[in-house]
PDB file of all heavy atoms in Angstrom:
ATOM      1  N   ILE A   1      94.649 175.161 195.036  1.00  0.00           N
ATOM      2  CA  ILE A   1      94.190 176.418 194.412  1.00  0.00           C
ATOM      3  C   ILE A   1      95.379 177.149 193.798  1.00  0.00           C
ATOM      4  O   ILE A   1      95.344 177.546 192.676  1.00  0.00           O
ATOM      5  CB  ILE A   1      93.508 177.365 195.384  1.00  0.00           C
ATOM      6  CG1 ILE A   1      92.074 176.735 195.799  1.00  0.00           C
ATOM      7  CG2 ILE A   1      93.432 178.704 194.858  1.00  0.00           C
ATOM      8  CD1 ILE A   1      91.485 177.505 197.065  1.00  0.00           C
ATOM      9  N   TYR A   2      96.543 177.112 194.437  1.00  0.00           N
ATOM     10  CA  TYR A   2      97.693 177.784 193.934  1.00  0.00           C
ATOM     11  C   TYR A   2      98.354 176.991 192.864  1.00  0.00           C
ATOM     12  O   TYR A   2      98.528 177.624 191.781  1.00  0.00           O
ATOM     13  CB  TYR A   2      98.616 178.084 195.142  1.00  0.00           C
ATOM     14  CG  TYR A   2      99.937 178.976 194.618  1.00  0.00           C
ATOM     15  CD1 TYR A   2      99.704 180.303 194.345  1.00  0.00           C
ATOM     16  CD2 TYR A   2     101.072 178.335 194.484  1.00  0.00           C
ATOM     17  CE1 TYR A   2     100.767 181.035 193.998  1.00  0.00           C
ATOM     18  CE2 TYR A   2     102.177 179.051 194.108  1.00  0.00           C
ATOM     19  CZ  TYR A   2     101.982 180.376 193.884  1.00  0.00           C
ATOM     20  OH  TYR A   2     102.998 181.173 193.390  1.00  0.00           O
ATOM     21  N   TYR A   3      98.864 175.804 193.137  1.00  0.00           N
ATOM     22  CA  TYR A   3      99.571 175.110 192.199  1.00  0.00           C
ATOM     23  C   TYR A   3      98.907 174.570 190.987  1.00  0.00           C
ATOM     24  O   TYR A   3      99.157 174.838 189.786  1.00  0.00           O
ATOM     25  CB  TYR A   3     100.491 174.046 192.798  1.00  0.00           C
ATOM     26  CG  TYR A   3     101.534 174.652 193.736  1.00  0.00           C
ATOM     27  CD1 TYR A   3     101.440 174.459 195.190  1.00  0.00           C
ATOM     28  CD2 TYR A   3     102.667 175.358 193.321  1.00  0.00           C
ATOM     29  CE1 TYR A   3     102.365 174.915 196.014  1.00  0.00           C
ATOM     30  CE2 TYR A   3     103.542 175.897 194.233  1.00  0.00           C
ATOM     31  CZ  TYR A   3     103.430 175.566 195.631  1.00  0.00           C
ATOM     32  OH  TYR A   3     104.344 176.144 196.326  1.00  0.00           O
ATOM     33  N   ALA A   4      97.883 173.781 191.252  1.00  0.00           N
ATOM     34  CA  ALA A   4      97.170 173.207 190.156  1.00  0.00           C
ATOM     35  C   ALA A   4      96.336 174.303 189.373  1.00  0.00           C
ATOM     36  O   ALA A   4      96.226 174.336 188.228  1.00  0.00           O
ATOM     37  CB  ALA A   4      96.035 172.302 190.788  1.00  0.00           C
ATOM     38  N   GLY A   5      95.912 175.318 190.115  1.00  0.00           N
ATOM     39  CA  GLY A   5      95.128 176.448 189.465  1.00  0.00           C
ATOM     40  C   GLY A   5      96.076 177.293 188.567  1.00  0.00           C
ATOM     41  O   GLY A   5      95.724 177.502 187.469  1.00  0.00           O
ATOM     42  N   ASN A   6      97.364 177.555 188.953  1.00  0.00           N
ATOM     43  CA  ASN A   6      98.350 178.229 188.092  1.00  0.00           C
ATOM     44  C   ASN A   6      98.730 177.317 186.941  1.00  0.00           C
ATOM     45  O   ASN A   6      98.871 177.880 185.868  1.00  0.00           O
ATOM     46  CB  ASN A   6      99.421 178.653 188.922  1.00  0.00           C
ATOM     47  CG  ASN A   6      99.193 179.896 189.757  1.00  0.00           C
ATOM     48  OD1 ASN A   6      98.312 180.618 189.392  1.00  0.00           O
ATOM     49  ND2 ASN A   6     100.032 180.085 190.710  1.00  0.00           N
ATOM     50  N   TRP A   7      98.875 176.000 187.247  1.00  0.00           N
ATOM     51  CA  TRP A   7      99.205 175.187 186.044  1.00  0.00           C
ATOM     52  C   TRP A   7      98.123 175.141 185.087  1.00  0.00           C
ATOM     53  O   TRP A   7      98.424 175.256 183.816  1.00  0.00           O
ATOM     54  CB  TRP A   7      99.567 173.772 186.619  1.00  0.00           C
ATOM     55  CG  TRP A   7      99.938 172.717 185.549  1.00  0.00           C
ATOM     56  CD1 TRP A   7     101.054 172.686 184.948  1.00  0.00           C
ATOM     57  CD2 TRP A   7      99.137 171.828 185.156  1.00  0.00           C
ATOM     58  NE1 TRP A   7     101.035 171.665 184.018  1.00  0.00           N
ATOM     59  CE2 TRP A   7      99.848 170.965 184.051  1.00  0.00           C
ATOM     60  CE3 TRP A   7      97.779 171.267 185.307  1.00  0.00           C
ATOM     61  CZ2 TRP A   7      99.461 169.937 183.435  1.00  0.00           C
ATOM     62  CZ3 TRP A   7      97.333 170.252 184.592  1.00  0.00           C
ATOM     63  CH2 TRP A   7      98.079 169.551 183.638  1.00  0.00           C
ATOM     64  N   LEU A   8      96.888 174.916 185.457  1.00  0.00           N
ATOM     65  CA  LEU A   8      95.823 174.894 184.534  1.00  0.00           C
ATOM     66  C   LEU A   8      95.618 176.258 183.776  1.00  0.00           C
ATOM     67  O   LEU A   8      95.268 176.308 182.674  1.00  0.00           O
ATOM     68  CB  LEU A   8      94.452 174.395 185.180  1.00  0.00           C
ATOM     69  CG  LEU A   8      94.550 172.970 185.731  1.00  0.00           C
ATOM     70  CD1 LEU A   8      93.288 172.697 186.547  1.00  0.00           C
ATOM     71  CD2 LEU A   8      94.486 172.137 184.449  1.00  0.00           C
ATOM     72  N   ALA A   9      95.808 177.283 184.547  1.00  0.00           N
ATOM     73  CA  ALA A   9      95.573 178.682 183.971  1.00  0.00           C
ATOM     74  C   ALA A   9      96.658 179.001 182.942  1.00  0.00           C
ATOM     75  O   ALA A   9      96.382 179.899 182.133  1.00  0.00           O
ATOM     76  CB  ALA A   9      95.516 179.702 185.019  1.00  0.00           C
ATOM     77  N   ALA A  10      97.670 178.318 183.022  1.00  0.00           N
ATOM     78  CA  ALA A  10      98.795 178.568 182.059  1.00  0.00           C
ATOM     79  C   ALA A  10      98.429 178.180 180.703  1.00  0.00           C
ATOM     80  O   ALA A  10      99.013 178.660 179.706  1.00  0.00           O
ATOM     81  CB  ALA A  10     100.092 177.810 182.440  1.00  0.00           C
ATOM     82  N   PHE A  11      97.458 177.354 180.484  1.00  0.00           N
ATOM     83  CA  PHE A  11      96.941 176.937 179.191  1.00  0.00           C
ATOM     84  C   PHE A  11      95.997 177.922 178.537  1.00  0.00           C
ATOM     85  O   PHE A  11      95.629 177.791 177.502  1.00  0.00           O
ATOM     86  CB  PHE A  11      96.320 175.497 179.298  1.00  0.00           C
ATOM     87  CG  PHE A  11      97.284 174.421 179.619  1.00  0.00           C
ATOM     88  CD1 PHE A  11      97.303 173.850 180.897  1.00  0.00           C
ATOM     89  CD2 PHE A  11      98.232 174.000 178.776  1.00  0.00           C
ATOM     90  CE1 PHE A  11      98.089 172.790 181.181  1.00  0.00           C
ATOM     91  CE2 PHE A  11      99.109 172.979 179.131  1.00  0.00           C
ATOM     92  CZ  PHE A  11      99.012 172.410 180.269  1.00  0.00           C
ATOM     93  N   ILE A  12      95.565 178.867 179.374  1.00  0.00           N
ATOM     94  CA  ILE A  12      94.679 179.843 178.872  1.00  0.00           C
ATOM     95  C   ILE A  12      95.457 181.207 178.487  1.00  0.00           C
ATOM     96  O   ILE A  12      96.166 181.673 179.401  1.00  0.00           O
ATOM     97  CB  ILE A  12      93.602 180.177 179.916  1.00  0.00           C
ATOM     98  CG1 ILE A  12      92.827 178.910 180.333  1.00  0.00           C
ATOM     99  CG2 ILE A  12      92.534 181.261 179.428  1.00  0.00           C
ATOM    100  CD1 ILE A  12      91.873 179.068 181.563  1.00  0.00           C
ATOM    101  N   ASP A  13      95.254 181.672 177.313  1.00  0.00           N
ATOM    102  CA  ASP A  13      96.041 182.774 176.806  1.00  0.00           C
ATOM    103  C   ASP A  13      95.430 184.087 177.171  1.00  0.00           C
ATOM    104  O   ASP A  13      96.026 185.075 177.406  1.00  0.00           O
ATOM    105  CB  ASP A  13      96.193 182.628 175.366  1.00  0.00           C
ATOM    106  CG  ASP A  13      97.198 181.524 174.906  1.00  0.00           C
ATOM    107  OD1 ASP A  13      98.064 181.218 175.801  1.00  0.00           O
ATOM    108  OD2 ASP A  13      96.927 181.043 173.830  1.00  0.00           O
ATOM    109  N   HIS A  14      93.995 184.147 177.207  1.00  0.00           N
ATOM    110  CA  HIS A  14      93.382 185.369 177.422  1.00  0.00           C
ATOM    111  C   HIS A  14      93.266 185.682 178.914  1.00  0.00           C
ATOM    112  O   HIS A  14      92.788 184.874 179.650  1.00  0.00           O
ATOM    113  CB  HIS A  14      91.963 185.286 176.777  1.00  0.00           C
ATOM    114  CG  HIS A  14      91.253 186.552 176.532  1.00  0.00           C
ATOM    115  ND1 HIS A  14      90.489 187.194 177.509  1.00  0.00           N
ATOM    116  CD2 HIS A  14      91.309 187.518 175.553  1.00  0.00           C
ATOM    117  CE1 HIS A  14      90.002 188.303 177.156  1.00  0.00           C
ATOM    118  NE2 HIS A  14      90.480 188.503 175.891  1.00  0.00           N
ATOM    119  N   GLU A  15      93.750 186.932 179.180  1.00  0.00           N
ATOM    120  CA  GLU A  15      93.747 187.262 180.749  1.00  0.00           C
ATOM    121  C   GLU A  15      92.384 187.292 181.436  1.00  0.00           C
ATOM    122  O   GLU A  15      92.250 186.844 182.559  1.00  0.00           O
ATOM    123  CB  GLU A  15      94.414 188.663 180.950  1.00  0.00           C
ATOM    124  CG  GLU A  15      95.890 188.543 180.657  1.00  0.00           C
ATOM    125  CD  GLU A  15      96.713 187.584 181.542  1.00  0.00           C
ATOM    126  OE1 GLU A  15      96.309 187.599 182.766  1.00  0.00           O
ATOM    127  OE2 GLU A  15      97.574 186.824 181.163  1.00  0.00           O
ATOM    128  N   THR A  16      91.300 187.717 180.745  1.00  0.00           N
ATOM    129  CA  THR A  16      90.056 187.851 181.258  1.00  0.00           C
ATOM    130  C   THR A  16      89.525 186.394 181.552  1.00  0.00           C
ATOM    131  O   THR A  16      88.978 186.090 182.589  1.00  0.00           O
ATOM    132  CB  THR A  16      89.099 188.542 180.473  1.00  0.00           C
ATOM    133  OG1 THR A  16      89.688 189.796 180.101  1.00  0.00           O
ATOM    134  CG2 THR A  16      87.715 188.776 181.073  1.00  0.00           C
ATOM    135  N   LEU A  17      89.725 185.485 180.622  1.00  0.00           N
ATOM    136  CA  LEU A  17      89.302 184.144 180.816  1.00  0.00           C
ATOM    137  C   LEU A  17      90.217 183.457 181.944  1.00  0.00           C
ATOM    138  O   LEU A  17      89.676 182.562 182.729  1.00  0.00           O
ATOM    139  CB  LEU A  17      89.445 183.287 179.492  1.00  0.00           C
ATOM    140  CG  LEU A  17      88.485 183.756 178.378  1.00  0.00           C
ATOM    141  CD1 LEU A  17      88.713 182.886 177.139  1.00  0.00           C
ATOM    142  CD2 LEU A  17      86.954 183.466 178.891  1.00  0.00           C
ATOM    143  N   LYS A  18      91.462 183.788 181.941  1.00  0.00           N
ATOM    144  CA  LYS A  18      92.335 183.236 182.991  1.00  0.00           C
ATOM    145  C   LYS A  18      91.866 183.597 184.404  1.00  0.00           C
ATOM    146  O   LYS A  18      91.782 182.805 185.310  1.00  0.00           O
ATOM    147  CB  LYS A  18      93.661 183.571 182.789  1.00  0.00           C
ATOM    148  CG  LYS A  18      94.797 182.930 183.680  1.00  0.00           C
ATOM    149  CD  LYS A  18      96.124 183.379 183.416  1.00  0.00           C
ATOM    150  CE  LYS A  18      96.616 182.902 182.062  1.00  0.00           C
ATOM    151  NZ  LYS A  18      98.073 183.130 181.838  1.00  0.00           N
ATOM    152  N   PHE A  19      91.446 184.947 184.526  1.00  0.00           N
ATOM    153  CA  PHE A  19      90.858 185.354 185.819  1.00  0.00           C
ATOM    154  C   PHE A  19      89.621 184.759 186.238  1.00  0.00           C
ATOM    155  O   PHE A  19      89.404 184.301 187.331  1.00  0.00           O
ATOM    156  CB  PHE A  19      90.711 186.937 185.805  1.00  0.00           C
ATOM    157  CG  PHE A  19      90.136 187.568 187.004  1.00  0.00           C
ATOM    158  CD1 PHE A  19      90.802 187.645 188.127  1.00  0.00           C
ATOM    159  CD2 PHE A  19      88.776 187.953 187.017  1.00  0.00           C
ATOM    160  CE1 PHE A  19      90.468 188.142 189.256  1.00  0.00           C
ATOM    161  CE2 PHE A  19      88.430 188.481 188.165  1.00  0.00           C
ATOM    162  CZ  PHE A  19      89.093 188.734 189.340  1.00  0.00           C
ATOM    163  N   ALA A  20      88.679 184.631 185.183  1.00  0.00           N
ATOM    164  CA  ALA A  20      87.448 183.907 185.417  1.00  0.00           C
ATOM    165  C   ALA A  20      87.672 182.511 185.871  1.00  0.00           C
ATOM    166  O   ALA A  20      87.003 181.993 186.761  1.00  0.00           O
ATOM    167  CB  ALA A  20      86.578 183.971 184.322  1.00  0.00           C
ATOM    168  N   PHE A  21      88.688 181.751 185.156  1.00  0.00           N
ATOM    169  CA  PHE A  21      88.938 180.384 185.562  1.00  0.00           C
ATOM    170  C   PHE A  21      89.446 180.341 186.968  1.00  0.00           C
ATOM    171  O   PHE A  21      88.971 179.387 187.703  1.00  0.00           O
ATOM    172  CB  PHE A  21      89.949 179.898 184.499  1.00  0.00           C
ATOM    173  CG  PHE A  21      90.569 178.546 185.029  1.00  0.00           C
ATOM    174  CD1 PHE A  21      89.876 177.457 184.966  1.00  0.00           C
ATOM    175  CD2 PHE A  21      91.806 178.477 185.700  1.00  0.00           C
ATOM    176  CE1 PHE A  21      90.399 176.104 185.384  1.00  0.00           C
ATOM    177  CE2 PHE A  21      92.392 177.357 186.125  1.00  0.00           C
ATOM    178  CZ  PHE A  21      91.518 176.155 185.992  1.00  0.00           C
ATOM    179  N   ARG A  22      90.295 181.227 187.419  1.00  0.00           N
ATOM    180  CA  ARG A  22      90.826 181.149 188.693  1.00  0.00           C
ATOM    181  C   ARG A  22      89.779 181.249 189.800  1.00  0.00           C
ATOM    182  O   ARG A  22      89.700 180.651 190.816  1.00  0.00           O
ATOM    183  CB  ARG A  22      91.936 182.246 188.931  1.00  0.00           C
ATOM    184  CG  ARG A  22      93.219 181.826 188.190  1.00  0.00           C
ATOM    185  CD  ARG A  22      94.307 182.853 188.379  1.00  0.00           C
ATOM    186  NE  ARG A  22      95.502 182.327 187.952  1.00  0.00           N
ATOM    187  CZ  ARG A  22      96.472 183.196 187.421  1.00  0.00           C
ATOM    188  NH1 ARG A  22      96.380 184.444 187.487  1.00  0.00           N
ATOM    189  NH2 ARG A  22      97.516 182.663 186.824  1.00  0.00           N
ATOM    190  N   ILE A  23      88.809 182.163 189.489  1.00  0.00           N
ATOM    191  CA  ILE A  23      87.708 182.342 190.509  1.00  0.00           C
ATOM    192  C   ILE A  23      86.795 181.088 190.578  1.00  0.00           C
ATOM    193  O   ILE A  23      86.591 180.606 191.626  1.00  0.00           O
ATOM    194  CB  ILE A  23      86.679 183.538 190.072  1.00  0.00           C
ATOM    195  CG1 ILE A  23      87.616 184.834 190.309  1.00  0.00           C
ATOM    196  CG2 ILE A  23      85.449 183.534 190.806  1.00  0.00           C
ATOM    197  CD1 ILE A  23      86.991 186.135 189.855  1.00  0.00           C
ATOM    198  N   ILE A  24      86.533 180.578 189.303  1.00  0.00           N
ATOM    199  CA  ILE A  24      85.748 179.258 189.268  1.00  0.00           C
ATOM    200  C   ILE A  24      86.423 178.186 189.884  1.00  0.00           C
ATOM    201  O   ILE A  24      85.869 177.359 190.801  1.00  0.00           O
ATOM    202  CB  ILE A  24      85.219 178.927 187.893  1.00  0.00           C
ATOM    203  CG1 ILE A  24      84.378 180.004 187.388  1.00  0.00           C
ATOM    204  CG2 ILE A  24      84.707 177.599 187.721  1.00  0.00           C
ATOM    205  CD1 ILE A  24      83.964 180.000 185.844  1.00  0.00           C
ATOM    206  N   TRP A  25      87.755 178.082 189.627  1.00  0.00           N
ATOM    207  CA  TRP A  25      88.572 176.951 190.311  1.00  0.00           C
ATOM    208  C   TRP A  25      88.569 177.124 191.879  1.00  0.00           C
ATOM    209  O   TRP A  25      88.494 176.029 192.496  1.00  0.00           O
ATOM    210  CB  TRP A  25      90.036 177.018 189.663  1.00  0.00           C
ATOM    211  CG  TRP A  25      90.903 176.065 190.254  1.00  0.00           C
ATOM    212  CD1 TRP A  25      91.905 176.209 191.134  1.00  0.00           C
ATOM    213  CD2 TRP A  25      90.891 174.640 190.030  1.00  0.00           C
ATOM    214  NE1 TRP A  25      92.575 174.987 191.394  1.00  0.00           N
ATOM    215  CE2 TRP A  25      91.951 174.039 190.751  1.00  0.00           C
ATOM    216  CE3 TRP A  25      90.147 173.797 189.161  1.00  0.00           C
ATOM    217  CZ2 TRP A  25      92.329 172.698 190.720  1.00  0.00           C
ATOM    218  CZ3 TRP A  25      90.330 172.352 189.105  1.00  0.00           C
ATOM    219  CH2 TRP A  25      91.398 171.914 189.862  1.00  0.00           C
ATOM    220  N   THR A  26      88.692 178.329 192.251  1.00  0.00           N
ATOM    221  CA  THR A  26      88.711 178.549 193.659  1.00  0.00           C
ATOM    222  C   THR A  26      87.334 178.028 194.361  1.00  0.00           C
ATOM    223  O   THR A  26      87.356 177.461 195.452  1.00  0.00           O
ATOM    224  CB  THR A  26      89.107 179.913 194.051  1.00  0.00           C
ATOM    225  OG1 THR A  26      90.348 180.293 193.458  1.00  0.00           O
ATOM    226  CG2 THR A  26      89.241 180.268 195.584  1.00  0.00           C
TER     227      THR A  26
END
């Protein structure tokens, strides 16, 4: 959740989409 999620979220520029991705990833 922490490392892979942050690595994948780094490719997303929009903060709202990044937040949604982290919730879905978790």
